[in-house]
C-alpha atoms as a PDB file:
ATOM      1  CA  UNK A   1       0.000   0.000   0.000  1.00  0.00           C
ATOM      2  CA  UNK A   2       1.217   3.465  -0.811  1.00  0.00           C
ATOM      3  CA  UNK A   3       0.772   5.773   2.136  1.00  0.00           C
ATOM      4  CA  UNK A   4      -1.563   8.618   1.195  1.00  0.00           C
ATOM      5  CA  UNK A   5      -4.840  10.091   2.440  1.00  0.00           C
ATOM      6  CA  UNK A   6      -6.991   7.828   0.251  1.00  0.00           C
ATOM      7  CA  UNK A   7      -5.200   4.604   1.241  1.00  0.00           C
ATOM      8  CA  UNK A   8      -5.362   5.617   4.925  1.00  0.00           C
ATOM      9  CA  UNK A   9      -9.072   6.403   4.580  1.00  0.00           C
ATOM     10  CA  UNK A  10      -9.704   2.976   3.006  1.00  0.00           C
ATOM     11  CA  UNK A  11      -7.740   1.291   5.778  1.00  0.00           C
ATOM     12  CA  UNK A  12      -9.828   3.050   8.435  1.00  0.00           C
ATOM     13  CA  UNK A  13      -6.841   4.919   9.845  1.00  0.00           C
ATOM     14  CA  UNK A  14      -8.793   7.991  10.953  1.00  0.00           C
ATOM     15  CA  UNK A  15     -10.668   8.082  14.228  1.00  0.00           C
ATOM     16  CA  UNK A  16     -13.937   9.361  12.809  1.00  0.00           C
ATOM     17  CA  UNK A  17     -16.719  11.134  14.651  1.00  0.00           C
ATOM     18  CA  UNK A  18     -17.006  11.079  18.419  1.00  0.00           C
ATOM     19  CA  UNK A  19     -19.107   8.318  19.950  1.00  0.00           C
ATOM     20  CA  UNK A  20     -22.061   9.327  22.119  1.00  0.00           C
ATOM     21  CA  UNK A  21     -22.162   7.596  25.523  1.00  0.00           C
ATOM     22  CA  UNK A  22     -24.416   7.923  28.531  1.00  0.00           C
ATOM     23  CA  UNK A  23     -22.612   7.858  31.871  1.00  0.00           C
ATOM     24  CA  UNK A  24     -23.830   7.844  35.455  1.00  0.00           C
ATOM     25  CA  UNK A  25     -22.001   8.503  38.687  1.00  0.00           C
ATOM     26  CA  UNK A  26     -22.805   9.078  42.331  1.00  0.00           C
ATOM     27  CA  UNK A  27     -22.204  12.485  43.809  1.00  0.00           C
ATOM     28  CA  UNK A  28     -23.078  12.459  47.463  1.00  0.00           C
ATOM     29  CA  UNK A  29     -26.524  10.861  47.757  1.00  0.00           C
ATOM     30  CA  UNK A  30     -27.456  11.748  44.160  1.00  0.00           C
ATOM     31  CA  UNK A  31     -26.965   9.724  40.989  1.00  0.00           C
ATOM     32  CA  UNK A  32     -26.199  11.970  38.045  1.00  0.00           C
ATOM     33  CA  UNK A  33     -26.582  10.873  34.438  1.00  0.00           C
ATOM     34  CA  UNK A  34     -25.097  12.753  31.495  1.00  0.00           C
ATOM     35  CA  UNK A  35     -24.420  12.319  27.808  1.00  0.00           C
ATOM     36  CA  UNK A  36     -20.781  12.632  26.769  1.00  0.00           C
ATOM     37  CA  UNK A  37     -18.981  12.302  23.481  1.00  0.00           C
ATOM     38  CA  UNK A  38     -15.828  10.221  23.339  1.00  0.00           C
ATOM     39  CA  UNK A  39     -13.217  10.692  20.643  1.00  0.00           C
ATOM     40  CA  UNK A  40     -11.605   7.339  19.802  1.00  0.00           C
ATOM     41  CA  UNK A  41      -7.900   7.183  20.640  1.00  0.00           C
ATOM     42  CA  UNK A  42      -5.878   8.969  17.994  1.00  0.00           C
ATOM     43  CA  UNK A  43      -3.464  11.814  17.466  1.00  0.00           C
ATOM     44  CA  UNK A  44      -4.643  13.890  20.435  1.00  0.00           C
ATOM     45  CA  UNK A  45      -4.118  10.914  22.726  1.00  0.00           C
ATOM     46  CA  UNK A  46      -0.627  10.311  21.357  1.00  0.00           C
ATOM     47  CA  UNK A  47       0.321  13.940  22.016  1.00  0.00           C
ATOM     48  CA  UNK A  48      -1.140  13.701  25.521  1.00  0.00           C
ATOM     49  CA  UNK A  49       0.806  10.501  26.225  1.00  0.00           C
ATOM     50  CA  UNK A  50       4.067  12.111  25.071  1.00  0.00           C
ATOM     51  CA  UNK A  51       3.438  15.125  27.327  1.00  0.00           C
ATOM     52  CA  UNK A  52       2.721  12.806  30.249  1.00  0.00           C
ATOM     53  CA  UNK A  53       5.863  10.767  29.588  1.00  0.00           C
ATOM     54  CA  UNK A  54       7.854  13.995  29.654  1.00  0.00           C
ATOM     55  CA  UNK A  55       6.321  14.955  33.003  1.00  0.00           C
ATOM     56  CA  UNK A  56       4.473  17.933  31.518  1.00  0.00           C
ATOM     57  CA  UNK A  57       0.959  16.730  32.434  1.00  0.00           C
ATOM     58  CA  UNK A  58      -0.850  14.053  34.389  1.00  0.00           C
ATOM     59  CA  UNK A  59      -1.379  10.949  32.240  1.00  0.00           C
ATOM     60  CA  UNK A  60      -4.948  10.201  33.368  1.00  0.00           C
ATOM     61  CA  UNK A  61      -6.038  13.841  33.092  1.00  0.00           C
ATOM     62  CA  UNK A  62      -4.422  14.041  29.674  1.00  0.00           C
ATOM     63  CA  UNK A  63      -6.215  10.911  28.503  1.00  0.00           C
ATOM     64  CA  UNK A  64      -9.597  12.275  29.631  1.00  0.00           C
ATOM     65  CA  UNK A  65      -8.904  15.697  28.097  1.00  0.00           C
ATOM     66  CA  UNK A  66      -7.871  14.078  24.793  1.00  0.00           C
ATOM     67  CA  UNK A  67     -10.913  11.799  24.616  1.00  0.00           C
ATOM     68  CA  UNK A  68     -13.894  13.682  26.061  1.00  0.00           C
ATOM     69  CA  UNK A  69     -15.225  16.189  23.568  1.00  0.00           C
ATOM     70  CA  UNK A  70     -18.391  17.828  22.329  1.00  0.00           C
ATOM     71  CA  UNK A  71     -20.492  16.501  19.454  1.00  0.00           C
ATOM     72  CA  UNK A  72     -18.190  18.186  16.920  1.00  0.00           C
ATOM     73  CA  UNK A  73     -15.005  16.728  18.432  1.00  0.00           C
ATOM     74  CA  UNK A  74     -13.871  19.882  20.258  1.00  0.00           C
ATOM     75  CA  UNK A  75     -12.284  19.298  23.685  1.00  0.00           C
ATOM     76  CA  UNK A  76     -14.476  19.806  26.736  1.00  0.00           C
ATOM     77  CA  UNK A  77     -11.633  19.807  29.293  1.00  0.00           C
ATOM     78  CA  UNK A  78      -7.978  20.610  29.554  1.00  0.00           C
ATOM     79  CA  UNK A  79      -5.780  18.414  31.723  1.00  0.00           C
ATOM     80  CA  UNK A  80      -5.549  21.342  34.165  1.00  0.00           C
ATOM     81  CA  UNK A  81      -9.365  21.489  34.366  1.00  0.00           C
ATOM     82  CA  UNK A  82      -9.336  17.860  35.499  1.00  0.00           C
ATOM     83  CA  UNK A  83      -6.499  18.076  38.021  1.00  0.00           C
ATOM     84  CA  UNK A  84      -7.263  21.535  39.453  1.00  0.00           C
ATOM     85  CA  UNK A  85     -10.661  22.492  38.077  1.00  0.00           C
ATOM     86  CA  UNK A  86     -11.660  25.330  35.799  1.00  0.00           C
ATOM     87  CA  UNK A  87     -11.190  28.931  36.853  1.00  0.00           C
ATOM     88  CA  UNK A  88     -13.725  29.862  39.529  1.00  0.00           C
ATOM     89  CA  UNK A  89     -16.100  32.328  37.854  1.00  0.00           C
ATOM     90  CA  UNK A  90     -17.450  33.562  41.223  1.00  0.00           C
ATOM     91  CA  UNK A  91     -13.921  34.500  42.279  1.00  0.00           C
ATOM     92  CA  UNK A  92     -13.249  36.121  38.904  1.00  0.00           C
ATOM     93  CA  UNK A  93     -16.444  38.182  39.292  1.00  0.00           C
ATOM     94  CA  UNK A  94     -14.976  39.590  42.528  1.00  0.00           C
ATOM     95  CA  UNK A  95     -11.449  39.880  41.134  1.00  0.00           C
ATOM     96  CA  UNK A  96     -10.958  39.651  37.345  1.00  0.00           C
ATOM     97  CA  UNK A  97      -7.288  38.732  37.897  1.00  0.00           C
ATOM     98  CA  UNK A  98      -8.146  35.751  40.133  1.00  0.00           C
ATOM     99  CA  UNK A  99      -6.568  32.441  39.141  1.00  0.00           C
ATOM    100  CA  UNK A 100      -8.412  30.447  41.813  1.00  0.00           C
ATOM    101  CA  UNK A 101      -9.685  27.126  40.471  1.00  0.00           C
ATOM    102  CA  UNK A 102     -12.671  25.039  41.546  1.00  0.00           C
ATOM    103  CA  UNK A 103     -10.745  21.889  42.539  1.00  0.00           C
ATOM    104  CA  UNK A 104     -10.096  18.545  40.890  1.00  0.00           C
ATOM    105  CA  UNK A 105     -12.765  16.654  38.993  1.00  0.00           C
ATOM    106  CA  UNK A 106     -14.927  14.417  41.196  1.00  0.00           C
ATOM    107  CA  UNK A 107     -13.485  10.914  41.568  1.00  0.00           C
ATOM    108  CA  UNK A 108     -16.695   9.071  40.669  1.00  0.00           C
ATOM    109  CA  UNK A 109     -17.109  11.221  37.566  1.00  0.00           C
ATOM    110  CA  UNK A 110     -13.480  10.539  36.647  1.00  0.00           C
ATOM    111  CA  UNK A 111     -14.081   6.773  36.839  1.00  0.00           C
ATOM    112  CA  UNK A 112     -17.293   7.079  34.760  1.00  0.00           C
ATOM    113  CA  UNK A 113     -15.407   9.029  32.076  1.00  0.00           C
ATOM    114  CA  UNK A 114     -12.536   6.534  32.012  1.00  0.00           C
ATOM    115  CA  UNK A 115     -15.041   3.675  31.709  1.00  0.00           C
ATOM    116  CA  UNK A 116     -16.712   5.390  28.731  1.00  0.00           C
ATOM    117  CA  UNK A 117     -13.312   5.938  27.091  1.00  0.00           C
ATOM    118  CA  UNK A 118     -12.453   2.276  27.599  1.00  0.00           C
ATOM    119  CA  UNK A 119     -15.799   1.114  26.188  1.00  0.00           C
ATOM    120  CA  UNK A 120     -15.467   3.246  23.050  1.00  0.00           C
ATOM    121  CA  UNK A 121     -11.932   2.107  22.358  1.00  0.00           C
ATOM    122  CA  UNK A 122     -12.568  -1.587  22.967  1.00  0.00           C
ATOM    123  CA  UNK A 123     -15.848  -2.023  21.060  1.00  0.00           C
ATOM    124  CA  UNK A 124     -15.893  -5.292  19.182  1.00  0.00           C
ATOM    125  CA  UNK A 125     -12.546  -6.363  20.555  1.00  0.00           C
ATOM    126  CA  UNK A 126     -12.294  -9.496  22.591  1.00  0.00           C
ATOM    127  CA  UNK A 127      -9.775  -9.874  25.292  1.00  0.00           C
ATOM    128  CA  UNK A 128      -8.440 -13.179  26.429  1.00  0.00           C
ATOM    129  CA  UNK A 129      -9.403 -14.329  29.876  1.00  0.00           C
ATOM    130  CA  UNK A 130      -6.720 -13.788  32.458  1.00  0.00           C
ATOM    131  CA  UNK A 131      -4.855 -16.978  33.216  1.00  0.00           C
ATOM    132  CA  UNK A 132      -5.263 -18.153  36.746  1.00  0.00           C
ATOM    133  CA  UNK A 133      -2.197 -18.613  38.817  1.00  0.00           C
ATOM    134  CA  UNK A 134      -1.908 -20.903  41.752  1.00  0.00           C
ATOM    135  CA  UNK A 135      -0.157 -19.219  44.603  1.00  0.00           C
ATOM    136  CA  UNK A 136      -0.233 -22.394  46.670  1.00  0.00           C
ATOM    137  CA  UNK A 137      -2.193 -20.623  49.382  1.00  0.00           C
ATOM    138  CA  UNK A 138      -5.271 -22.750  48.840  1.00  0.00           C
ATOM    139  CA  UNK A 139      -3.410 -26.024  49.229  1.00  0.00           C
ATOM    140  CA  UNK A 140      -4.690 -28.253  51.980  1.00  0.00           C
ATOM    141  CA  UNK A 141      -1.256 -29.833  52.407  1.00  0.00           C
ATOM    142  CA  UNK A 142       0.769 -28.643  55.361  1.00  0.00           C
ATOM    143  CA  UNK A 143       4.040 -26.968  54.492  1.00  0.00           C
ATOM    144  CA  UNK A 144       6.051 -29.799  55.983  1.00  0.00           C
ATOM    145  CA  UNK A 145       4.595 -32.219  53.410  1.00  0.00           C
ATOM    146  CA  UNK A 146       5.717 -30.120  50.453  1.00  0.00           C
ATOM    147  CA  UNK A 147       7.859 -31.778  47.818  1.00  0.00           C
ATOM    148  CA  UNK A 148      11.554 -31.703  48.597  1.00  0.00           C
ATOM    149  CA  UNK A 149      13.685 -29.046  46.935  1.00  0.00           C
ATOM    150  CA  UNK A 150      15.365 -29.984  43.699  1.00  0.00           C
ATOM    151  CA  UNK A 151      18.429 -27.924  44.541  1.00  0.00           C
ATOM    152  CA  UNK A 152      21.630 -29.892  44.759  1.00  0.00           C
ATOM    153  CA  UNK A 153      23.039 -30.147  48.193  1.00  0.00           C
ATOM    154  CA  UNK A 154      26.601 -29.032  48.583  1.00  0.00           C
ATOM    155  CA  UNK A 155      28.852 -31.862  49.756  1.00  0.00           C
END
């Protein structure tokens, strides 16, 4: 294949339109439900991951900021909005130079957003079941009855 816009389009190499998802989360005693749009992982996510690897932004906040968008694909959040909150408009009304922020995004909302991102990016993909490992902790045999070591004894 020759790499060009048409061959990439035919191969499905562009992320396409955002996917609409309904999310719910608990905030105090209330359950809140909202519609969000999730941009499939693509260029914005790659840039975010590079910034996170370089220590320039939080990786989780960057992933949410890269993926959650409006219906047209425009970002809803910045990574700073997620880690520190947007600028507090009430404080700015009192002092236009205020840089006070509203605080980090709610934890339950964060998990709901990450779940939506995961669902959009893993649609139709099957994952293998995790292999079980036997730690030996469930054995009914006492330790003293364990098989002898296969290490060679020094003579």
